Every structure is written in structure tokens, then in C-alpha cells.
Protein backbone atom coordinates (compact mmCIF):
# COMPACT_ATOMS: atom_id res chain seq x y z
CA MET A 1 111.74 -182.61 -189.02
CA ARG A 2 108.77 -183.25 -186.71
CA ALA A 3 110.71 -181.74 -183.83
CA LEU A 4 111.35 -178.60 -185.83
CA VAL A 5 107.64 -178.17 -186.70
CA ALA A 6 106.56 -178.61 -183.06
CA THR A 7 109.09 -176.10 -181.89
CA THR A 8 107.90 -173.60 -184.49
CA LEU A 9 104.22 -174.08 -183.45
CA LEU A 10 104.98 -173.55 -179.77
CA CYS A 11 106.88 -170.40 -180.55
CA ALA A 12 103.98 -169.09 -182.59
CA LEU A 13 101.47 -169.74 -179.81
CA ALA A 14 103.73 -168.14 -177.27
CA GLY A 15 104.13 -165.12 -179.51
CA ALA A 16 100.39 -164.77 -179.92
CA SER A 17 99.89 -164.98 -176.17
CA LEU A 18 102.54 -162.39 -175.53
CA ALA A 19 101.06 -160.09 -178.11
CA GLY A 20 97.75 -159.94 -176.09
CA ASP A 21 95.50 -160.98 -178.86
CA ASP A 22 93.40 -163.38 -176.69
CA PRO A 23 89.71 -162.40 -177.42
CA ILE A 24 88.37 -163.99 -174.24
CA GLU A 25 90.68 -162.01 -172.03
CA ASN A 26 89.86 -158.82 -173.87
CA LEU A 27 86.15 -159.48 -173.47
CA ALA A 28 86.59 -160.10 -169.75
CA LYS A 29 88.41 -156.82 -169.33
CA GLU A 30 85.72 -154.98 -171.24
CA LEU A 31 83.04 -156.56 -169.09
CA VAL A 32 84.85 -155.51 -165.91
CA GLU A 33 85.14 -151.93 -167.14
CA LYS A 34 81.47 -151.78 -168.15
CA ARG A 35 80.38 -153.26 -164.84
CA GLY A 36 82.34 -150.59 -163.01
CA ALA A 37 80.73 -147.89 -165.16
CA VAL A 38 77.29 -149.34 -164.49
CA GLU A 39 77.94 -149.41 -160.75
CA ARG A 40 79.12 -145.79 -160.83
CA LEU A 41 76.01 -144.78 -162.76
CA ALA A 42 73.81 -146.71 -160.34
CA THR A 43 75.45 -144.92 -157.41
CA GLU A 44 74.93 -141.56 -159.10
CA VAL A 45 71.29 -142.44 -159.79
CA ASP A 46 70.78 -143.43 -156.14
CA LEU A 47 72.32 -140.15 -155.01
CA SER A 48 70.12 -138.24 -157.41
CA LYS A 49 67.05 -140.07 -156.12
CA THR A 50 68.01 -139.26 -152.52
CA GLU A 51 68.57 -135.59 -153.35
CA LEU A 52 65.27 -135.47 -155.22
CA LYS A 53 63.43 -137.07 -152.30
CA ASP A 54 65.03 -134.58 -149.88
CA ALA A 55 64.10 -131.69 -152.15
CA LEU A 56 60.51 -132.92 -152.46
CA ARG A 57 60.28 -133.39 -148.70
CA SER A 58 61.62 -129.86 -148.16
CA ARG A 59 59.12 -128.46 -150.66
CA ALA A 60 56.33 -130.33 -148.92
CA LEU A 61 57.36 -128.91 -145.55
CA GLN A 62 57.57 -125.41 -147.02
CA ARG A 63 54.15 -125.80 -148.59
CA ALA A 64 52.66 -127.02 -145.32
CA ASP A 65 54.24 -124.08 -143.48
CA LEU A 66 52.92 -121.63 -146.08
CA GLU A 67 49.47 -123.16 -145.82
CA ARG A 68 49.57 -122.74 -142.03
CA GLN A 69 50.64 -119.12 -142.42
CA LEU A 70 47.91 -118.53 -144.99
CA HIS A 71 45.33 -120.03 -142.65
CA ALA A 72 46.57 -117.85 -139.79
CA LEU A 73 46.35 -114.78 -142.02
CA GLU A 74 42.82 -115.71 -143.06
CA VAL A 75 41.82 -116.07 -139.41
CA GLU A 76 43.44 -112.72 -138.59
CA ARG A 77 41.73 -111.07 -141.56
CA GLU A 78 38.35 -112.38 -140.43
CA GLU A 79 39.02 -111.16 -136.88
CA LEU A 80 40.04 -107.72 -138.14
CA SER A 81 36.94 -107.64 -140.30
CA ARG A 82 34.75 -108.42 -137.29
CA LYS A 83 36.51 -105.75 -135.23
CA ARG A 84 36.11 -103.22 -138.02
CA GLU A 85 32.40 -103.96 -138.28
CA ALA A 86 32.05 -103.67 -134.50
CA ALA A 87 33.96 -100.37 -134.54
CA VAL A 88 31.79 -99.01 -137.33
CA ALA A 89 28.67 -100.03 -135.42
CA ALA A 90 30.02 -98.43 -132.24
CA ILE A 91 30.91 -95.22 -134.07
CA THR A 92 27.50 -95.12 -135.70
CA SER A 93 25.82 -95.66 -132.35
CA LYS A 94 28.07 -93.10 -130.70
CA ARG A 95 27.30 -90.56 -133.40
CA ALA A 96 23.60 -91.20 -132.97
CA SER A 97 23.87 -90.78 -129.21
CA GLY A 98 26.13 -87.76 -129.76
CA VAL A 99 23.48 -86.06 -131.84
CA ALA A 100 21.04 -86.49 -128.98
CA LEU A 101 23.66 -85.48 -126.39
CA THR A 102 24.79 -82.26 -128.08
CA PRO A 103 21.81 -80.06 -127.07
CA VAL A 104 22.03 -81.41 -123.53
CA VAL A 105 25.70 -80.43 -123.28
CA ARG A 106 24.96 -77.01 -124.78
CA GLY A 107 22.24 -76.50 -122.18
CA GLN A 108 24.58 -77.45 -119.33
CA ILE A 109 27.29 -75.13 -120.65
CA ALA A 110 24.77 -72.30 -120.68
CA ALA A 111 23.65 -73.19 -117.14
CA LEU A 112 27.21 -73.20 -115.82
CA ARG A 113 27.92 -69.94 -117.64
CA GLY A 114 24.93 -68.40 -115.86
CA HIS A 115 26.24 -69.68 -112.54
CA VAL A 116 29.69 -68.16 -113.14
CA GLU A 117 28.19 -64.82 -114.15
CA ALA A 118 26.03 -64.77 -111.01
CA SER A 119 28.70 -65.96 -108.55
CA ILE A 120 31.35 -63.80 -106.86
CA PRO A 121 33.56 -61.99 -109.37
CA PHE A 122 36.65 -64.11 -108.76
CA LYS A 123 38.70 -64.60 -111.94
CA ARG A 124 35.41 -64.57 -113.79
CA ALA A 125 36.96 -63.79 -117.18
CA GLU A 126 39.17 -66.91 -117.02
CA ARG A 127 36.29 -69.12 -115.91
CA LEU A 128 34.01 -67.85 -118.66
CA ARG A 129 36.77 -68.11 -121.26
CA ASP A 130 37.10 -71.85 -120.62
CA LEU A 131 33.36 -72.33 -121.11
CA GLU A 132 33.31 -70.22 -124.27
CA ALA A 133 36.18 -72.29 -125.70
CA LEU A 134 34.29 -75.49 -124.88
CA ALA A 135 31.11 -74.22 -126.56
CA ALA A 136 33.07 -73.11 -129.64
CA ASP A 137 34.80 -76.50 -129.95
CA LEU A 138 31.46 -78.28 -129.66
CA ASP A 139 29.78 -76.06 -132.27
CA ALA A 140 32.73 -76.46 -134.68
CA GLU A 141 32.78 -80.24 -134.05
CA ARG A 142 36.41 -80.04 -132.93
CA THR A 143 35.34 -82.13 -129.96
CA SER A 144 32.67 -84.80 -129.67
CA PRO A 145 29.66 -84.37 -127.36
CA HIS A 146 31.04 -87.08 -125.08
CA GLU A 147 34.43 -85.35 -124.84
CA ALA A 148 32.69 -82.01 -124.29
CA LEU A 149 30.68 -83.55 -121.48
CA GLY A 150 33.91 -84.70 -119.83
CA ARG A 151 35.41 -81.21 -120.08
CA LEU A 152 32.20 -79.70 -118.75
CA TRP A 153 32.29 -82.06 -115.78
CA ARG A 154 35.84 -80.89 -114.99
CA SER A 155 34.59 -77.29 -115.09
CA TYR A 156 31.87 -78.20 -112.59
CA GLU A 157 34.52 -79.78 -110.38
CA ASP A 158 36.57 -76.56 -110.60
CA GLU A 159 33.55 -74.56 -109.46
CA LEU A 160 32.99 -76.94 -106.55
CA ARG A 161 36.64 -76.63 -105.58
CA LEU A 162 36.29 -72.84 -105.45
CA THR A 163 33.65 -73.22 -102.74
CA ARG A 164 36.18 -75.01 -100.50
CA GLU A 165 39.27 -72.91 -101.14
CA ASN A 166 40.40 -69.83 -99.25
CA GLY A 167 43.42 -67.85 -100.33
CA LEU A 168 45.22 -64.73 -101.46
CA TYR A 169 45.28 -64.03 -105.20
CA ARG A 170 45.73 -61.20 -107.71
CA GLN A 171 43.28 -60.19 -110.41
CA GLN A 172 41.71 -57.31 -112.32
CA VAL A 173 38.92 -55.48 -110.46
CA GLU A 174 36.87 -52.38 -111.13
CA ILE A 175 36.29 -49.90 -108.31
CA ASP A 176 34.25 -46.77 -108.94
CA GLY A 177 34.50 -47.39 -112.67
CA GLU A 178 38.29 -47.67 -112.63
CA PRO A 179 39.80 -51.04 -113.65
CA GLN A 180 42.97 -51.94 -111.78
CA LEU A 181 45.11 -54.87 -110.74
CA ALA A 182 44.63 -55.71 -107.08
CA ASP A 183 45.26 -58.34 -104.44
CA VAL A 184 42.13 -60.25 -103.43
CA VAL A 185 41.24 -62.62 -100.62
CA LYS A 186 38.62 -65.23 -101.49
CA LEU A 187 36.78 -67.10 -98.77
CA GLY A 188 35.00 -69.90 -100.57
CA THR A 189 32.47 -68.40 -102.94
CA VAL A 190 30.86 -66.21 -100.30
CA LEU A 191 33.26 -63.38 -99.49
CA LEU A 192 35.74 -61.54 -101.68
CA TYR A 193 37.86 -58.70 -100.35
CA VAL A 194 40.18 -56.44 -102.34
CA ARG A 195 43.34 -54.49 -101.54
CA THR A 196 44.10 -51.82 -104.11
CA LEU A 197 47.58 -50.73 -105.08
CA GLU A 198 47.01 -47.61 -102.95
CA GLY A 199 46.40 -49.79 -99.91
CA ASN A 200 42.65 -49.30 -99.69
CA TYR A 201 40.30 -52.21 -98.96
CA ALA A 202 36.99 -53.04 -100.61
CA ALA A 203 34.47 -55.87 -100.66
CA ALA A 204 32.49 -57.52 -103.45
CA LEU A 205 28.82 -56.73 -103.05
CA PRO A 206 25.89 -58.31 -104.96
CA THR A 207 23.37 -55.81 -106.34
CA GLN A 208 20.45 -56.00 -108.72
CA ALA A 209 22.79 -54.80 -111.47
CA GLY A 210 25.38 -57.45 -110.61
CA TRP A 211 28.44 -57.58 -108.41
CA VAL A 212 30.31 -54.39 -107.55
CA PHE A 213 33.37 -53.58 -105.44
CA ARG A 214 32.77 -50.96 -102.77
CA LEU A 215 35.36 -49.40 -100.50
CA LEU A 216 34.95 -50.20 -96.81
CA ASP A 217 34.86 -47.67 -94.01
CA PRO A 218 38.10 -47.19 -92.04
CA ALA A 219 37.18 -49.56 -89.19
CA ASP A 220 36.26 -52.40 -91.54
CA GLN A 221 39.36 -51.73 -93.62
CA GLU A 222 41.49 -52.41 -90.54
CA ARG A 223 39.69 -55.69 -89.95
CA VAL A 224 40.25 -56.80 -93.54
CA ARG A 225 43.88 -55.63 -93.35
CA ALA A 226 44.43 -58.09 -90.50
CA LEU A 227 43.09 -60.90 -92.71
CA PHE A 228 45.43 -59.98 -95.58
CA ASP A 229 48.41 -59.76 -93.22
CA ALA A 230 47.65 -63.21 -91.79
CA LEU A 231 47.37 -64.86 -95.21
CA GLU A 232 50.58 -63.21 -96.40
CA LYS A 233 52.29 -64.77 -93.36
CA HIS A 234 50.65 -68.12 -94.28
CA VAL A 235 48.53 -68.07 -91.13
CA ARG A 236 45.34 -69.87 -92.10
CA GLN A 237 43.81 -70.48 -88.69
CA GLY A 238 42.51 -67.98 -86.20
CA PHE A 239 39.60 -65.73 -85.35
CA PHE A 240 38.89 -62.82 -87.69
CA GLU A 241 36.08 -60.32 -87.30
CA LEU A 242 35.14 -59.40 -90.85
CA PRO A 243 32.60 -57.03 -92.37
CA ASN A 244 29.56 -58.61 -93.94
CA PRO A 245 28.88 -56.81 -97.23
CA TYR A 246 25.52 -58.58 -97.54
CA VAL A 247 24.17 -56.58 -94.59
CA LYS A 248 25.25 -53.05 -95.29
CA ILE A 249 27.52 -51.36 -97.76
CA GLY A 250 30.41 -49.74 -95.99
CA GLY A 251 31.34 -52.52 -93.61
CA THR A 252 28.95 -52.82 -90.66
CA LYS A 253 29.22 -56.44 -89.54
């Protein structure tokens, strides 16, 4: 009887063990699972902290870079402001000096115009037209007094160049009241000879009424013809006996 009871008790315990109803073992398993979950959460938290730190560091670097850019822009703005103020001051000063310079330039234009009108009648219309355009631009404020002075200086240089140049040209002349296109030989700004389309030769002569073109006598015409022939053949050196219109009209040397 005792043997039967012991056998029955052992079977019951074995059955309970096989059925998995041990509370200690179940608790251990639950603890293992929760520990694993905690470790996973801790890892995720660490990763989140690292990502947050990286993001904050990146934001800090971006902010520092933006602050540097802002500082550079402020410096540039201040520099531009200084340059603008300097430019305004320069313009104001230039305008003030321009106001004082304008009448001086006008006077010099008038003086050069008088020189052109009194000098030999070589392309006079073109030379005067340039001066008239300069005066008109100055009066209409299309050019500043300083720019006008530069243009006027170039006109003076052109006049100086005329005194050194000799050559054969073509221009409008008026002989005995008849305007016509003719070949002319200019020797500096002293002598100006003309060959008409008919083959006659004349010289520019200063008179009290201004410059006039007078036909030369036959002998002087031959002398001037030799000069024209030489220049047409590009001969620029040699001895030429030429009539002096300042001595006597008609060609006596």
C-alpha cells in the first residue's frame, strides 16, 4: 500500500514538471526576456543620443558658419558704404570744380575756333564742325567739363599735327565766287595750293576780308604743277621753287 502511494506521488510530480507549470522557471524566462528588451531599448536610446549629439554639432557648425558669413557681409556693407560716401564726395567736388571749369573750357573752344577761322582754309568746315559739336555737348550737359577739356585738348593736338604735315588732299574751295571740288596740296599751315578740275592752279591768299583762292600766272602754275606731280608719285623729297602768295598775288616768288 505504501509502495503504491509513493509511486502515485512520483508520477504526479513528474507530470507537473512535464506540464511546465514551474513558477520559478517561468519567472526566470520572463526576466531574461525583459532584460533583453531593456538592453535593446538602452541601445536604441544610446543611438538616439549619438544622433542627437551629431545633429546638434552640425547645427552648431552651421550657425558658426552663418555667423561668419553674416560678419563678412557686414564688413562688406560697411566698406561699400564708405566707398559710396567717398564717391558722392568726389562727384560733389567734381561737380563744383566742373562749374568753375565750364566757362574756361567755353573760352578755350572760342579761342580755338578763332584760330581755325584765321588759319589757312584747309578742311575748315570739318575742323569747325568738331568744335561746334563739342560746344553743343557742353552746353547741353551731354558731356562733363572735364571730358570736354579732354576733347578740346585732342583738337589742339590735331591743329598742331596740321603744322607738321604735308600732303595731297581733296576738298571744297571757292575760286572767283564759284564753289568746286578740287585737289589741294598743304604744306604745314603756311601754304595751300589748289588744282581745279579744269587743271588750273591757284594759291590760298590771306586778305583783310579773310582767305581767298587766286589763280596763279602761267609760270607759277607750272611750278605748282611740278609739286602736284611729285606728290602724286609719292616723291616727298626734293627742291621745289614755289610761288609765295604772301608777297604778290599772281605768283611772283
